[in-house]
Amino acid sequence: MLTTLAACDSTRDGTRGNPPSTALQRAYDRATDAPKTSADGTGNNPSGTAAGRALDRAAGTDVSGAYPAQRDGTPANPPGTAAERAYDRATGSNTSGAYPRNR
């Protein structure tokens, strides 16, 4: 139940009442004498969870916030999904948002 309550807490990581990182990560840092893991998105702790970052690397997305260059609508990643853009090219539509000249 405690885990469920912790998951619902919206207090930003590293703010008063919520020390940087997770309790498990802090315990690991103490046990291994590793440098303290900083707050999410800073220092040695990139944005998102390891699972979220792995998803982003595999899918080319930025769900975790750790890969802003992969955000939708950047030069490296135009709006929509590859499937939506393929549909737009085939039908002359703009469902993805990548082809504003198409109506």
N, C-alpha and C. Protein backbone atom coordinates (compact mmCIF):
# COMPACT_ATOMS: atom_id res chain seq x y z
N MET A 1 0.81 -1.17 0.00
CA MET A 1 0.00 0.00 0.00
C MET A 1 0.87 1.26 0.00
N LEU A 2 1.98 1.22 0.73
CA LEU A 2 2.88 2.37 0.77
C LEU A 2 3.41 2.71 -0.61
N THR A 3 3.73 1.68 -1.39
CA THR A 3 4.21 1.90 -2.76
C THR A 3 3.14 2.59 -3.59
N THR A 4 1.90 2.17 -3.43
CA THR A 4 0.80 2.79 -4.16
C THR A 4 0.67 4.26 -3.80
N LEU A 5 0.77 4.58 -2.52
CA LEU A 5 0.68 5.97 -2.11
C LEU A 5 1.85 6.79 -2.64
N ALA A 6 3.04 6.21 -2.62
CA ALA A 6 4.22 6.92 -3.13
C ALA A 6 4.07 7.20 -4.62
N ALA A 7 3.47 6.27 -5.34
CA ALA A 7 3.29 6.46 -6.78
C ALA A 7 2.31 7.58 -7.08
N CYS A 8 1.40 7.87 -6.16
CA CYS A 8 0.41 8.92 -6.37
C CYS A 8 0.93 10.29 -5.95
N ASP A 9 2.07 10.33 -5.25
CA ASP A 9 2.62 11.61 -4.79
C ASP A 9 3.09 12.42 -5.98
N SER A 10 2.62 13.66 -6.07
CA SER A 10 3.00 14.50 -7.20
C SER A 10 4.09 15.50 -6.84
N THR A 11 4.68 15.37 -5.63
CA THR A 11 5.75 16.26 -5.22
C THR A 11 6.97 15.98 -6.09
N ARG A 12 7.53 17.04 -6.67
CA ARG A 12 8.67 16.90 -7.57
C ARG A 12 9.86 16.29 -6.83
N ASP A 13 10.54 15.41 -7.51
CA ASP A 13 11.72 14.75 -6.99
C ASP A 13 12.76 15.80 -6.60
N GLY A 14 13.30 15.69 -5.39
CA GLY A 14 14.34 16.61 -4.95
C GLY A 14 13.83 17.85 -4.24
N THR A 15 12.52 17.95 -4.05
CA THR A 15 11.98 19.11 -3.35
C THR A 15 11.77 18.77 -1.87
N ARG A 16 11.46 19.79 -1.09
CA ARG A 16 11.26 19.58 0.34
C ARG A 16 10.24 18.48 0.58
N GLY A 17 10.59 17.54 1.42
CA GLY A 17 9.70 16.42 1.72
C GLY A 17 9.84 15.26 0.75
N ASN A 18 10.63 15.44 -0.30
CA ASN A 18 10.86 14.36 -1.27
C ASN A 18 12.32 14.44 -1.74
N PRO A 19 13.20 13.77 -1.01
CA PRO A 19 14.62 13.87 -1.36
C PRO A 19 14.89 13.38 -2.78
N PRO A 20 16.03 13.80 -3.35
CA PRO A 20 16.36 13.39 -4.72
C PRO A 20 16.36 11.88 -4.88
N SER A 21 15.94 11.43 -6.05
CA SER A 21 15.95 10.02 -6.43
C SER A 21 14.88 9.25 -5.68
N THR A 22 14.92 7.93 -5.79
CA THR A 22 13.95 7.08 -5.10
C THR A 22 14.59 6.52 -3.83
N ALA A 23 13.77 6.04 -2.91
CA ALA A 23 14.31 5.45 -1.68
C ALA A 23 15.22 4.27 -2.02
N LEU A 24 14.83 3.48 -3.00
CA LEU A 24 15.65 2.34 -3.42
C LEU A 24 16.99 2.81 -3.97
N GLN A 25 16.98 3.87 -4.79
CA GLN A 25 18.23 4.38 -5.35
C GLN A 25 19.11 4.96 -4.25
N ARG A 26 18.51 5.67 -3.28
CA ARG A 26 19.31 6.22 -2.19
C ARG A 26 19.92 5.12 -1.35
N ALA A 27 19.17 4.04 -1.10
CA ALA A 27 19.71 2.90 -0.35
C ALA A 27 20.87 2.25 -1.12
N TYR A 28 20.71 2.12 -2.43
CA TYR A 28 21.78 1.56 -3.27
C TYR A 28 23.02 2.46 -3.21
N ASP A 29 22.81 3.77 -3.30
CA ASP A 29 23.94 4.71 -3.24
C ASP A 29 24.69 4.57 -1.92
N ARG A 30 23.94 4.43 -0.80
CA ARG A 30 24.58 4.27 0.51
C ARG A 30 25.32 2.93 0.59
N ALA A 31 24.69 1.86 0.11
CA ALA A 31 25.29 0.52 0.22
C ALA A 31 26.54 0.38 -0.64
N THR A 32 26.58 1.05 -1.77
CA THR A 32 27.72 0.92 -2.67
C THR A 32 28.71 2.07 -2.54
N ASP A 33 28.43 2.99 -1.63
CA ASP A 33 29.27 4.17 -1.44
C ASP A 33 29.38 4.99 -2.73
N ALA A 34 28.33 4.93 -3.54
CA ALA A 34 28.28 5.67 -4.80
C ALA A 34 27.91 7.12 -4.51
N PRO A 35 28.26 8.03 -5.42
CA PRO A 35 27.81 9.42 -5.23
C PRO A 35 26.29 9.46 -5.20
N LYS A 36 25.74 10.38 -4.43
CA LYS A 36 24.28 10.49 -4.35
C LYS A 36 23.70 10.75 -5.73
N THR A 37 22.63 10.03 -6.05
CA THR A 37 21.92 10.25 -7.30
C THR A 37 21.11 11.52 -7.16
N SER A 38 21.27 12.42 -8.09
CA SER A 38 20.60 13.71 -8.01
C SER A 38 19.13 13.60 -8.39
N ALA A 39 18.41 14.70 -8.26
CA ALA A 39 16.99 14.75 -8.59
C ALA A 39 16.77 14.39 -10.05
N ASP A 40 15.59 13.91 -10.35
CA ASP A 40 15.22 13.51 -11.70
C ASP A 40 15.45 14.65 -12.68
N GLY A 41 16.17 14.36 -13.75
CA GLY A 41 16.40 15.35 -14.79
C GLY A 41 17.59 16.26 -14.53
N THR A 42 18.37 15.96 -13.50
CA THR A 42 19.54 16.79 -13.21
C THR A 42 20.76 15.91 -12.96
N GLY A 43 21.93 16.51 -13.08
CA GLY A 43 23.18 15.83 -12.73
C GLY A 43 23.32 14.45 -13.32
N ASN A 44 23.48 13.46 -12.46
CA ASN A 44 23.71 12.09 -12.90
C ASN A 44 22.42 11.26 -12.99
N ASN A 45 21.27 11.91 -13.06
CA ASN A 45 20.00 11.21 -13.12
C ASN A 45 19.12 11.83 -14.21
N PRO A 46 19.18 11.30 -15.44
CA PRO A 46 18.40 11.89 -16.52
C PRO A 46 16.90 11.80 -16.28
N SER A 47 16.15 12.59 -17.02
CA SER A 47 14.69 12.61 -16.88
C SER A 47 14.09 11.24 -17.12
N GLY A 48 12.98 10.97 -16.48
CA GLY A 48 12.24 9.73 -16.68
C GLY A 48 12.84 8.56 -15.93
N THR A 49 12.24 7.41 -16.12
CA THR A 49 12.75 6.18 -15.51
C THR A 49 13.61 5.45 -16.52
N ALA A 50 14.36 4.49 -16.04
CA ALA A 50 15.19 3.69 -16.94
C ALA A 50 14.32 3.00 -17.99
N ALA A 51 13.16 2.52 -17.57
CA ALA A 51 12.25 1.86 -18.51
C ALA A 51 11.73 2.85 -19.55
N GLY A 52 11.39 4.06 -19.11
CA GLY A 52 10.92 5.09 -20.03
C GLY A 52 11.97 5.50 -21.03
N ARG A 53 13.21 5.62 -20.54
CA ARG A 53 14.31 5.97 -21.46
C ARG A 53 14.59 4.85 -22.45
N ALA A 54 14.48 3.60 -21.98
CA ALA A 54 14.68 2.46 -22.89
C ALA A 54 13.61 2.45 -23.97
N LEU A 55 12.37 2.74 -23.60
CA LEU A 55 11.29 2.85 -24.59
C LEU A 55 11.61 3.94 -25.60
N ASP A 56 12.05 5.09 -25.10
CA ASP A 56 12.40 6.20 -25.99
C ASP A 56 13.50 5.82 -26.97
N ARG A 57 14.53 5.15 -26.48
CA ARG A 57 15.63 4.75 -27.37
C ARG A 57 15.14 3.77 -28.43
N ALA A 58 14.29 2.83 -28.03
CA ALA A 58 13.80 1.82 -28.96
C ALA A 58 12.81 2.39 -29.97
N ALA A 59 11.95 3.30 -29.51
CA ALA A 59 10.89 3.81 -30.37
C ALA A 59 11.22 5.16 -31.02
N GLY A 60 12.32 5.77 -30.58
CA GLY A 60 12.67 7.08 -31.14
C GLY A 60 11.74 8.18 -30.66
N THR A 61 11.23 8.04 -29.42
CA THR A 61 10.30 9.02 -28.86
C THR A 61 10.97 9.81 -27.73
N ASP A 62 10.21 10.68 -27.07
CA ASP A 62 10.70 11.45 -25.93
C ASP A 62 9.68 11.43 -24.80
N VAL A 63 9.11 10.27 -24.53
CA VAL A 63 8.12 10.13 -23.46
C VAL A 63 8.75 10.48 -22.12
N SER A 64 10.00 10.08 -21.90
CA SER A 64 10.68 10.31 -20.62
C SER A 64 11.14 11.74 -20.43
N GLY A 65 11.31 12.47 -21.51
CA GLY A 65 11.85 13.81 -21.44
C GLY A 65 13.36 13.85 -21.52
N ALA A 66 13.99 12.69 -21.64
CA ALA A 66 15.45 12.60 -21.68
C ALA A 66 16.02 12.79 -23.08
N TYR A 67 15.17 12.74 -24.09
CA TYR A 67 15.64 12.82 -25.48
C TYR A 67 14.87 13.90 -26.24
N PRO A 68 15.09 15.18 -25.91
CA PRO A 68 14.33 16.24 -26.57
C PRO A 68 14.55 16.31 -28.08
N ALA A 69 15.68 15.84 -28.56
CA ALA A 69 15.93 15.86 -30.01
C ALA A 69 15.00 14.90 -30.75
N GLN A 70 14.40 13.95 -30.03
CA GLN A 70 13.51 12.98 -30.66
C GLN A 70 12.04 13.40 -30.55
N ARG A 71 11.79 14.60 -30.03
CA ARG A 71 10.40 15.06 -29.88
C ARG A 71 9.73 15.16 -31.24
N ASP A 72 8.47 14.96 -31.24
CA ASP A 72 7.66 15.06 -32.43
C ASP A 72 7.75 16.48 -32.97
N GLY A 73 7.97 16.61 -34.26
CA GLY A 73 8.00 17.92 -34.89
C GLY A 73 9.37 18.55 -35.00
N THR A 74 10.42 17.84 -34.58
CA THR A 74 11.79 18.36 -34.75
C THR A 74 12.30 17.95 -36.12
N PRO A 75 13.39 18.56 -36.60
CA PRO A 75 13.91 18.17 -37.91
C PRO A 75 14.21 16.67 -38.02
N ALA A 76 14.65 16.07 -36.91
CA ALA A 76 14.95 14.64 -36.94
C ALA A 76 13.70 13.78 -36.83
N ASN A 77 12.59 14.36 -36.38
CA ASN A 77 11.36 13.59 -36.18
C ASN A 77 10.15 14.45 -36.51
N PRO A 78 9.71 14.46 -37.77
CA PRO A 78 8.55 15.29 -38.14
C PRO A 78 7.28 14.85 -37.40
N PRO A 79 6.25 15.69 -37.40
CA PRO A 79 5.02 15.36 -36.70
C PRO A 79 4.42 14.03 -37.14
N GLY A 80 3.71 13.40 -36.21
CA GLY A 80 3.03 12.14 -36.50
C GLY A 80 3.96 10.94 -36.44
N THR A 81 3.39 9.79 -36.66
CA THR A 81 4.17 8.56 -36.69
C THR A 81 4.56 8.26 -38.13
N ALA A 82 5.49 7.36 -38.29
CA ALA A 82 5.90 6.96 -39.64
C ALA A 82 4.70 6.42 -40.42
N ALA A 83 3.84 5.65 -39.75
CA ALA A 83 2.66 5.10 -40.41
C ALA A 83 1.71 6.21 -40.86
N GLU A 84 1.51 7.22 -39.99
CA GLU A 84 0.63 8.34 -40.36
C GLU A 84 1.21 9.12 -41.54
N ARG A 85 2.51 9.35 -41.52
CA ARG A 85 3.13 10.09 -42.63
C ARG A 85 3.04 9.30 -43.93
N ALA A 86 3.21 7.98 -43.86
CA ALA A 86 3.08 7.13 -45.05
C ALA A 86 1.65 7.20 -45.59
N TYR A 87 0.68 7.17 -44.69
CA TYR A 87 -0.73 7.29 -45.09
C TYR A 87 -0.96 8.63 -45.78
N ASP A 88 -0.41 9.70 -45.18
CA ASP A 88 -0.57 11.03 -45.77
C ASP A 88 0.03 11.11 -47.17
N ARG A 89 1.21 10.55 -47.34
CA ARG A 89 1.85 10.57 -48.66
C ARG A 89 1.03 9.79 -49.67
N ALA A 90 0.48 8.66 -49.24
CA ALA A 90 -0.29 7.81 -50.15
C ALA A 90 -1.64 8.43 -50.53
N THR A 91 -2.24 9.16 -49.59
CA THR A 91 -3.59 9.69 -49.83
C THR A 91 -3.62 11.19 -50.08
N GLY A 92 -2.48 11.86 -49.92
CA GLY A 92 -2.46 13.31 -50.10
C GLY A 92 -3.13 14.05 -48.97
N SER A 93 -3.22 13.43 -47.79
CA SER A 93 -3.87 14.06 -46.64
C SER A 93 -2.81 14.62 -45.67
N ASN A 94 -3.26 15.12 -44.54
CA ASN A 94 -2.37 15.67 -43.54
C ASN A 94 -2.79 15.25 -42.13
N THR A 95 -3.13 14.00 -41.94
CA THR A 95 -3.55 13.53 -40.62
C THR A 95 -2.41 13.60 -39.62
N SER A 96 -1.16 13.46 -40.08
CA SER A 96 0.00 13.49 -39.18
C SER A 96 0.39 14.90 -38.79
N GLY A 97 0.05 15.87 -39.59
CA GLY A 97 0.49 17.24 -39.36
C GLY A 97 1.81 17.55 -40.05
N ALA A 98 2.39 16.57 -40.70
CA ALA A 98 3.69 16.75 -41.35
C ALA A 98 3.58 17.37 -42.74
N TYR A 99 2.37 17.39 -43.29
CA TYR A 99 2.16 17.89 -44.65
C TYR A 99 1.07 18.96 -44.66
N PRO A 100 1.36 20.15 -44.11
CA PRO A 100 0.30 21.17 -44.01
C PRO A 100 -0.22 21.65 -45.34
N ARG A 101 0.56 21.46 -46.42
CA ARG A 101 0.05 21.88 -47.74
C ARG A 101 -1.04 20.98 -48.25
N ASN A 102 -1.08 19.72 -47.74
CA ASN A 102 -2.15 18.79 -48.12
C ASN A 102 -3.37 19.08 -47.26
N ARG A 103 -4.51 18.99 -47.83
CA ARG A 103 -5.74 19.22 -47.05
C ARG A 103 -6.54 17.98 -46.97
